[in-house]
PDB file of all heavy atoms in Angstrom:
ATOM      1  N   GLU A   1     -19.704  -5.101   7.317  1.00  0.00           N
ATOM      2  CA  GLU A   1     -20.099  -3.878   8.018  1.00  0.00           C
ATOM      3  C   GLU A   1     -21.501  -4.139   8.574  1.00  0.00           C
ATOM      4  O   GLU A   1     -22.394  -4.489   7.813  1.00  0.00           O
ATOM      5  CB  GLU A   1     -20.087  -2.742   6.995  1.00  0.00           C
ATOM      6  CG  GLU A   1     -20.332  -1.367   7.610  1.00  0.00           C
ATOM      7  CD  GLU A   1     -19.180  -0.936   8.478  1.00  0.00           C
ATOM      8  OE1 GLU A   1     -18.072  -1.501   8.388  1.00  0.00           O
ATOM      9  OE2 GLU A   1     -19.409  -0.012   9.293  1.00  0.00           O
ATOM     10  N   GLU A   2     -21.663  -3.925   9.878  1.00  0.00           N
ATOM     11  CA  GLU A   2     -22.977  -4.194  10.480  1.00  0.00           C
ATOM     12  C   GLU A   2     -23.980  -3.113  10.023  1.00  0.00           C
ATOM     13  O   GLU A   2     -23.707  -1.948  10.097  1.00  0.00           O
ATOM     14  CB  GLU A   2     -22.892  -4.154  12.003  1.00  0.00           C
ATOM     15  CG  GLU A   2     -22.141  -5.333  12.583  1.00  0.00           C
ATOM     16  CD  GLU A   2     -20.701  -4.989  12.916  1.00  0.00           C
ATOM     17  OE1 GLU A   2     -20.100  -4.227  12.138  1.00  0.00           O
ATOM     18  OE2 GLU A   2     -20.193  -5.497  13.891  1.00  0.00           O
ATOM     19  N   GLY A   3     -25.120  -3.545   9.549  1.00  0.00           N
ATOM     20  CA  GLY A   3     -26.211  -2.651   9.176  1.00  0.00           C
ATOM     21  C   GLY A   3     -25.837  -1.759   7.990  1.00  0.00           C
ATOM     22  O   GLY A   3     -24.725  -1.329   7.848  1.00  0.00           O
ATOM     23  N   GLY A   4     -26.741  -1.547   7.134  1.00  0.00           N
ATOM     24  CA  GLY A   4     -26.469  -0.656   6.000  1.00  0.00           C
ATOM     25  C   GLY A   4     -25.833  -1.404   4.854  1.00  0.00           C
ATOM     26  O   GLY A   4     -25.684  -2.613   4.854  1.00  0.00           O
ATOM     27  N   GLU A   5     -25.438  -0.584   3.845  1.00  0.00           N
ATOM     28  CA  GLU A   5     -24.900  -1.216   2.659  1.00  0.00           C
ATOM     29  C   GLU A   5     -23.423  -1.623   2.849  1.00  0.00           C
ATOM     30  O   GLU A   5     -22.722  -1.187   3.748  1.00  0.00           O
ATOM     31  CB  GLU A   5     -25.018  -0.258   1.456  1.00  0.00           C
ATOM     32  CG  GLU A   5     -24.188   0.978   1.487  1.00  0.00           C
ATOM     33  CD  GLU A   5     -24.496   1.927   0.346  1.00  0.00           C
ATOM     34  OE1 GLU A   5     -23.912   1.714  -0.761  1.00  0.00           O
ATOM     35  OE2 GLU A   5     -25.309   2.788   0.543  1.00  0.00           O
ATOM     36  N   ALA A   6     -23.029  -2.520   2.012  1.00  0.00           N
ATOM     37  CA  ALA A   6     -21.675  -3.062   2.092  1.00  0.00           C
ATOM     38  C   ALA A   6     -20.642  -1.977   1.829  1.00  0.00           C
ATOM     39  O   ALA A   6     -20.891  -1.060   1.052  1.00  0.00           O
ATOM     40  CB  ALA A   6     -21.480  -4.196   1.063  1.00  0.00           C
ATOM     41  N   THR A   7     -19.519  -2.078   2.511  1.00  0.00           N
ATOM     42  CA  THR A   7     -18.430  -1.152   2.267  1.00  0.00           C
ATOM     43  C   THR A   7     -17.194  -1.914   1.942  1.00  0.00           C
ATOM     44  O   THR A   7     -16.970  -3.053   2.409  1.00  0.00           O
ATOM     45  CB  THR A   7     -18.175  -0.230   3.480  1.00  0.00           C
ATOM     46  OG1 THR A   7     -17.918  -1.056   4.611  1.00  0.00           O
ATOM     47  CG2 THR A   7     -19.337   0.658   3.747  1.00  0.00           C
ATOM     48  N   TYR A   8     -16.365  -1.278   1.128  1.00  0.00           N
ATOM     49  CA  TYR A   8     -15.077  -1.838   0.729  1.00  0.00           C
ATOM     50  C   TYR A   8     -14.002  -0.843   1.244  1.00  0.00           C
ATOM     51  O   TYR A   8     -14.182   0.364   1.075  1.00  0.00           O
ATOM     52  CB  TYR A   8     -14.989  -1.947  -0.772  1.00  0.00           C
ATOM     53  CG  TYR A   8     -16.014  -2.875  -1.336  1.00  0.00           C
ATOM     54  CD1 TYR A   8     -17.317  -2.453  -1.650  1.00  0.00           C
ATOM     55  CD2 TYR A   8     -15.708  -4.253  -1.553  1.00  0.00           C
ATOM     56  CE1 TYR A   8     -18.256  -3.324  -2.139  1.00  0.00           C
ATOM     57  CE2 TYR A   8     -16.655  -5.113  -2.061  1.00  0.00           C
ATOM     58  CZ  TYR A   8     -17.934  -4.651  -2.346  1.00  0.00           C
ATOM     59  OH  TYR A   8     -18.869  -5.522  -2.839  1.00  0.00           O
ATOM     60  N   VAL A   9     -12.960  -1.353   1.887  1.00  0.00           N
ATOM     61  CA  VAL A   9     -11.983  -0.468   2.527  1.00  0.00           C
ATOM     62  C   VAL A   9     -10.611  -0.803   2.039  1.00  0.00           C
ATOM     63  O   VAL A   9     -10.119  -1.954   2.194  1.00  0.00           O
ATOM     64  CB  VAL A   9     -12.061  -0.600   4.076  1.00  0.00           C
ATOM     65  CG1 VAL A   9     -11.034   0.316   4.741  1.00  0.00           C
ATOM     66  CG2 VAL A   9     -13.484  -0.332   4.565  1.00  0.00           C
ATOM     67  N   LEU A  10      -9.905   0.179   1.479  1.00  0.00           N
ATOM     68  CA  LEU A  10      -8.495   0.082   1.135  1.00  0.00           C
ATOM     69  C   LEU A  10      -7.689   0.614   2.311  1.00  0.00           C
ATOM     70  O   LEU A  10      -8.081   1.677   2.870  1.00  0.00           O
ATOM     71  CB  LEU A  10      -8.154   0.893  -0.126  1.00  0.00           C
ATOM     72  CG  LEU A  10      -8.854   0.475  -1.405  1.00  0.00           C
ATOM     73  CD1 LEU A  10      -8.513   1.483  -2.525  1.00  0.00           C
ATOM     74  CD2 LEU A  10      -8.373  -0.891  -1.819  1.00  0.00           C
ATOM     75  N   VAL A  11      -6.623  -0.045   2.684  1.00  0.00           N
ATOM     76  CA  VAL A  11      -5.756   0.398   3.752  1.00  0.00           C
ATOM     77  C   VAL A  11      -4.425   0.793   3.145  1.00  0.00           C
ATOM     78  O   VAL A  11      -3.780  -0.022   2.484  1.00  0.00           O
ATOM     79  CB  VAL A  11      -5.586  -0.687   4.825  1.00  0.00           C
ATOM     80  CG1 VAL A  11      -4.753  -0.185   6.025  1.00  0.00           C
ATOM     81  CG2 VAL A  11      -6.948  -1.237   5.313  1.00  0.00           C
ATOM     82  N   MET A  12      -4.028   2.061   3.372  1.00  0.00           N
ATOM     83  CA  MET A  12      -2.794   2.582   2.781  1.00  0.00           C
ATOM     84  C   MET A  12      -1.975   3.278   3.873  1.00  0.00           C
ATOM     85  O   MET A  12      -2.530   3.682   4.904  1.00  0.00           O
ATOM     86  CB  MET A  12      -3.134   3.582   1.681  1.00  0.00           C
ATOM     87  CG  MET A  12      -3.916   2.977   0.538  1.00  0.00           C
ATOM     88  SD  MET A  12      -4.654   4.234  -0.554  1.00  0.00           S
ATOM     89  CE  MET A  12      -6.080   4.725   0.391  1.00  0.00           C
ATOM     90  N   PRO A  13      -0.677   3.467   3.614  1.00  0.00           N
ATOM     91  CA  PRO A  13       0.111   4.284   4.554  1.00  0.00           C
ATOM     92  C   PRO A  13      -0.445   5.696   4.601  1.00  0.00           C
ATOM     93  O   PRO A  13      -0.969   6.202   3.606  1.00  0.00           O
ATOM     94  CB  PRO A  13       1.511   4.307   3.920  1.00  0.00           C
ATOM     95  CG  PRO A  13       1.525   3.229   2.921  1.00  0.00           C
ATOM     96  CD  PRO A  13       0.124   3.024   2.483  1.00  0.00           C
ATOM     97  N   GLN A  14      -0.391   6.307   5.761  1.00  0.00           N
ATOM     98  CA  GLN A  14      -0.894   7.633   5.936  1.00  0.00           C
ATOM     99  C   GLN A  14       0.083   8.635   5.378  1.00  0.00           C
ATOM    100  O   GLN A  14       1.251   8.636   5.755  1.00  0.00           O
ATOM    101  CB  GLN A  14      -1.148   7.941   7.386  1.00  0.00           C
ATOM    102  CG  GLN A  14      -1.721   9.309   7.656  1.00  0.00           C
ATOM    103  CD  GLN A  14      -2.014   9.493   9.121  1.00  0.00           C
ATOM    104  OE1 GLN A  14      -2.649   8.688   9.760  1.00  0.00           O
ATOM    105  NE2 GLN A  14      -1.572  10.600   9.666  1.00  0.00           N
ATOM    106  N   GLY A  15      -0.351   9.446   4.433  1.00  0.00           N
ATOM    107  CA  GLY A  15       0.488  10.526   3.874  1.00  0.00           C
ATOM    108  C   GLY A  15       0.483  11.720   4.807  1.00  0.00           C
ATOM    109  O   GLY A  15      -0.427  11.851   5.712  1.00  0.00           O
ATOM    110  N   GLU A  16       1.424  12.622   4.596  1.00  0.00           N
ATOM    111  CA  GLU A  16       1.448  13.834   5.386  1.00  0.00           C
ATOM    112  C   GLU A  16       0.434  14.844   4.946  1.00  0.00           C
ATOM    113  O   GLU A  16      -0.273  15.409   5.741  1.00  0.00           O
ATOM    114  CB  GLU A  16       2.890  14.407   5.328  1.00  0.00           C
ATOM    115  CG  GLU A  16       3.142  15.503   6.279  1.00  0.00           C
ATOM    116  CD  GLU A  16       4.588  15.960   6.217  1.00  0.00           C
ATOM    117  OE1 GLU A  16       4.922  16.795   5.357  1.00  0.00           O
ATOM    118  OE2 GLU A  16       5.369  15.490   7.049  1.00  0.00           O
ATOM    119  N   ARG A  17       0.421  15.116   3.609  1.00  0.00           N
ATOM    120  CA  ARG A  17      -0.577  16.004   3.048  1.00  0.00           C
ATOM    121  C   ARG A  17      -0.534  15.896   1.515  1.00  0.00           C
ATOM    122  O   ARG A  17       0.455  15.445   0.971  1.00  0.00           O
ATOM    123  CB  ARG A  17      -0.427  17.416   3.528  1.00  0.00           C
ATOM    124  CG  ARG A  17       0.739  18.177   3.083  1.00  0.00           C
ATOM    125  CD  ARG A  17       0.817  19.650   3.533  1.00  0.00           C
ATOM    126  NE  ARG A  17      -0.175  20.075   4.438  1.00  0.00           N
ATOM    127  CZ  ARG A  17      -0.027  21.029   5.414  1.00  0.00           C
ATOM    128  NH1 ARG A  17       1.109  21.645   5.508  1.00  0.00           N
ATOM    129  NH2 ARG A  17      -0.998  21.372   6.200  1.00  0.00           N
ATOM    130  N   SER A  18      -1.580  16.406   0.912  1.00  0.00           N
ATOM    131  CA  SER A  18      -1.620  16.406  -0.550  1.00  0.00           C
ATOM    132  C   SER A  18      -0.800  17.613  -1.092  1.00  0.00           C
ATOM    133  O   SER A  18      -0.580  18.585  -0.356  1.00  0.00           O
ATOM    134  CB  SER A  18      -3.031  16.484  -1.083  1.00  0.00           C
ATOM    135  OG  SER A  18      -3.599  17.781  -0.834  1.00  0.00           O
ATOM    136  N   LEU A  19      -0.423  17.530  -2.345  1.00  0.00           N
ATOM    137  CA  LEU A  19       0.251  18.665  -2.967  1.00  0.00           C
ATOM    138  C   LEU A  19      -0.685  19.889  -2.978  1.00  0.00           C
ATOM    139  O   LEU A  19      -0.242  21.003  -2.770  1.00  0.00           O
ATOM    140  CB  LEU A  19       0.672  18.292  -4.399  1.00  0.00           C
ATOM    141  CG  LEU A  19       1.396  19.415  -5.180  1.00  0.00           C
ATOM    142  CD1 LEU A  19       2.634  19.923  -4.448  1.00  0.00           C
ATOM    143  CD2 LEU A  19       1.722  18.907  -6.569  1.00  0.00           C
ATOM    144  N   HIS A  20      -1.970  19.657  -3.188  1.00  0.00           N
ATOM    145  CA  HIS A  20      -2.967  20.751  -3.151  1.00  0.00           C
ATOM    146  C   HIS A  20      -2.889  21.466  -1.794  1.00  0.00           C
ATOM    147  O   HIS A  20      -2.821  22.679  -1.725  1.00  0.00           O
ATOM    148  CB  HIS A  20      -4.360  20.178  -3.412  1.00  0.00           C
ATOM    149  CG  HIS A  20      -5.415  21.204  -3.344  1.00  0.00           C
ATOM    150  ND1 HIS A  20      -6.102  21.500  -2.170  1.00  0.00           N
ATOM    151  CD2 HIS A  20      -5.932  22.045  -4.303  1.00  0.00           C
ATOM    152  CE1 HIS A  20      -6.981  22.430  -2.396  1.00  0.00           C
ATOM    153  NE2 HIS A  20      -6.912  22.777  -3.702  1.00  0.00           N
ATOM    154  N   ASP A  21      -2.934  20.700  -0.740  1.00  0.00           N
ATOM    155  CA  ASP A  21      -2.869  21.238   0.616  1.00  0.00           C
ATOM    156  C   ASP A  21      -1.548  21.949   0.889  1.00  0.00           C
ATOM    157  O   ASP A  21      -1.499  23.016   1.469  1.00  0.00           O
ATOM    158  CB  ASP A  21      -3.150  20.132   1.647  1.00  0.00           C
ATOM    159  CG  ASP A  21      -3.563  20.669   2.994  1.00  0.00           C
ATOM    160  OD1 ASP A  21      -4.308  21.643   3.060  1.00  0.00           O
ATOM    161  OD2 ASP A  21      -3.100  20.063   3.995  1.00  0.00           O
ATOM    162  N   ALA A  22      -0.455  21.316   0.453  1.00  0.00           N
ATOM    163  CA  ALA A  22       0.885  21.889   0.676  1.00  0.00           C
ATOM    164  C   ALA A  22       0.994  23.250  -0.061  1.00  0.00           C
ATOM    165  O   ALA A  22       1.507  24.229   0.529  1.00  0.00           O
ATOM    166  CB  ALA A  22       1.963  20.932   0.208  1.00  0.00           C
ATOM    167  N   CYS A  23       0.520  23.310  -1.295  1.00  0.00           N
ATOM    168  CA  CYS A  23       0.598  24.607  -2.044  1.00  0.00           C
ATOM    169  C   CYS A  23      -0.235  25.666  -1.369  1.00  0.00           C
ATOM    170  O   CYS A  23       0.138  26.822  -1.314  1.00  0.00           O
ATOM    171  CB  CYS A  23       0.178  24.357  -3.500  1.00  0.00           C
ATOM    172  SG  CYS A  23       1.432  23.529  -4.475  1.00  0.00           S
ATOM    173  N   ALA A  24      -1.429  25.271  -0.907  1.00  0.00           N
ATOM    174  CA  ALA A  24      -2.323  26.267  -0.286  1.00  0.00           C
ATOM    175  C   ALA A  24      -1.814  26.757   1.063  1.00  0.00           C
ATOM    176  O   ALA A  24      -1.969  27.906   1.395  1.00  0.00           O
ATOM    177  CB  ALA A  24      -3.720  25.626  -0.120  1.00  0.00           C
ATOM    178  N   LYS A  25      -1.204  25.861   1.872  1.00  0.00           N
ATOM    179  CA  LYS A  25      -0.869  26.216   3.243  1.00  0.00           C
ATOM    180  C   LYS A  25       0.631  26.517   3.450  1.00  0.00           C
ATOM    181  O   LYS A  25       0.978  27.157   4.453  1.00  0.00           O
ATOM    182  CB  LYS A  25      -1.317  25.115   4.182  1.00  0.00           C
ATOM    183  CG  LYS A  25      -2.835  24.946   4.181  1.00  0.00           C
ATOM    184  CD  LYS A  25      -3.291  23.863   5.083  1.00  0.00           C
ATOM    185  CE  LYS A  25      -4.795  23.807   5.026  1.00  0.00           C
ATOM    186  NZ  LYS A  25      -5.338  22.592   5.614  1.00  0.00           N
ATOM    187  N   GLU A  26       1.453  26.111   2.572  1.00  0.00           N
ATOM    188  CA  GLU A  26       2.906  26.312   2.759  1.00  0.00           C
ATOM    189  C   GLU A  26       3.462  27.356   1.825  1.00  0.00           C
ATOM    190  O   GLU A  26       4.690  27.604   1.835  1.00  0.00           O
ATOM    191  CB  GLU A  26       3.629  24.994   2.583  1.00  0.00           C
ATOM    192  CG  GLU A  26       3.248  23.926   3.611  1.00  0.00           C
ATOM    193  CD  GLU A  26       3.831  22.605   3.369  1.00  0.00           C
ATOM    194  OE1 GLU A  26       4.791  22.464   2.577  1.00  0.00           O
ATOM    195  OE2 GLU A  26       3.309  21.613   3.925  1.00  0.00           O
ATOM    196  N   ARG A  27       2.633  27.953   0.995  1.00  0.00           N
ATOM    197  CA  ARG A  27       3.073  29.037   0.089  1.00  0.00           C
ATOM    198  C   ARG A  27       4.262  28.615  -0.725  1.00  0.00           C
ATOM    199  O   ARG A  27       5.309  29.245  -0.736  1.00  0.00           O
ATOM    200  CB  ARG A  27       3.328  30.303   0.884  1.00  0.00           C
ATOM    201  CG  ARG A  27       2.092  30.796   1.627  1.00  0.00           C
ATOM    202  CD  ARG A  27       2.277  32.040   2.433  1.00  0.00           C
ATOM    203  NE  ARG A  27       3.004  33.089   1.788  1.00  0.00           N
ATOM    204  CZ  ARG A  27       2.490  34.060   1.001  1.00  0.00           C
ATOM    205  NH1 ARG A  27       1.174  34.056   0.846  1.00  0.00           N
ATOM    206  NH2 ARG A  27       3.197  35.000   0.438  1.00  0.00           N
ATOM    207  N   ILE A  28       4.123  27.510  -1.455  1.00  0.00           N
ATOM    208  CA  ILE A  28       5.207  26.940  -2.281  1.00  0.00           C
ATOM    209  C   ILE A  28       5.138  27.539  -3.690  1.00  0.00           C
ATOM    210  O   ILE A  28       6.115  28.145  -4.157  1.00  0.00           O
ATOM    211  CB  ILE A  28       5.095  25.426  -2.380  1.00  0.00           C
ATOM    212  CG1 ILE A  28       5.287  24.797  -1.002  1.00  0.00           C
ATOM    213  CG2 ILE A  28       6.105  24.863  -3.371  1.00  0.00           C
ATOM    214  CD1 ILE A  28       4.975  23.329  -0.955  1.00  0.00           C
ATOM    215  N   ALA A  29       4.031  27.422  -4.358  1.00  0.00           N
ATOM    216  CA  ALA A  29       3.907  27.866  -5.741  1.00  0.00           C
ATOM    217  C   ALA A  29       4.105  29.390  -5.845  1.00  0.00           C
ATOM    218  O   ALA A  29       3.522  30.151  -5.100  1.00  0.00           O
ATOM    219  CB  ALA A  29       2.520  27.497  -6.283  1.00  0.00           C
ATOM    220  N   GLY A  30       4.988  29.791  -6.779  1.00  0.00           N
ATOM    221  CA  GLY A  30       5.235  31.204  -7.006  1.00  0.00           C
ATOM    222  C   GLY A  30       6.174  31.809  -5.969  1.00  0.00           C
ATOM    223  O   GLY A  30       6.521  32.991  -6.087  1.00  0.00           O
ATOM    224  N   ILE A  31       6.620  31.078  -4.982  1.00  0.00           N
ATOM    225  CA  ILE A  31       7.492  31.616  -3.938  1.00  0.00           C
ATOM    226  C   ILE A  31       8.784  30.856  -3.804  1.00  0.00           C
ATOM    227  O   ILE A  31       9.832  31.434  -3.787  1.00  0.00           O
ATOM    228  CB  ILE A  31       6.721  31.647  -2.594  1.00  0.00           C
ATOM    229  CG1 ILE A  31       5.525  32.605  -2.695  1.00  0.00           C
ATOM    230  CG2 ILE A  31       7.628  32.017  -1.447  1.00  0.00           C
ATOM    231  CD1 ILE A  31       4.613  32.599  -1.565  1.00  0.00           C
ATOM    232  N   ASP A  32       8.687  29.519  -3.765  1.00  0.00           N
ATOM    233  CA  ASP A  32       9.889  28.711  -3.539  1.00  0.00           C
ATOM    234  C   ASP A  32      10.182  27.896  -4.799  1.00  0.00           C
ATOM    235  O   ASP A  32       9.737  26.757  -4.956  1.00  0.00           O
ATOM    236  CB  ASP A  32       9.629  27.769  -2.332  1.00  0.00           C
ATOM    237  CG  ASP A  32      10.889  27.000  -1.919  1.00  0.00           C
ATOM    238  OD1 ASP A  32      11.888  26.975  -2.663  1.00  0.00           O
ATOM    239  OD2 ASP A  32      10.838  26.423  -0.813  1.00  0.00           O
TER     240      ASP A  32
END
């Protein structure tokens, strides 16, 4: 990485969303 401190990068498949986000935005918990 040019300039600054060293960085380490993991490359993973892109997920759609977290369960936290799904529960908050899709009204799953307590409903479905």
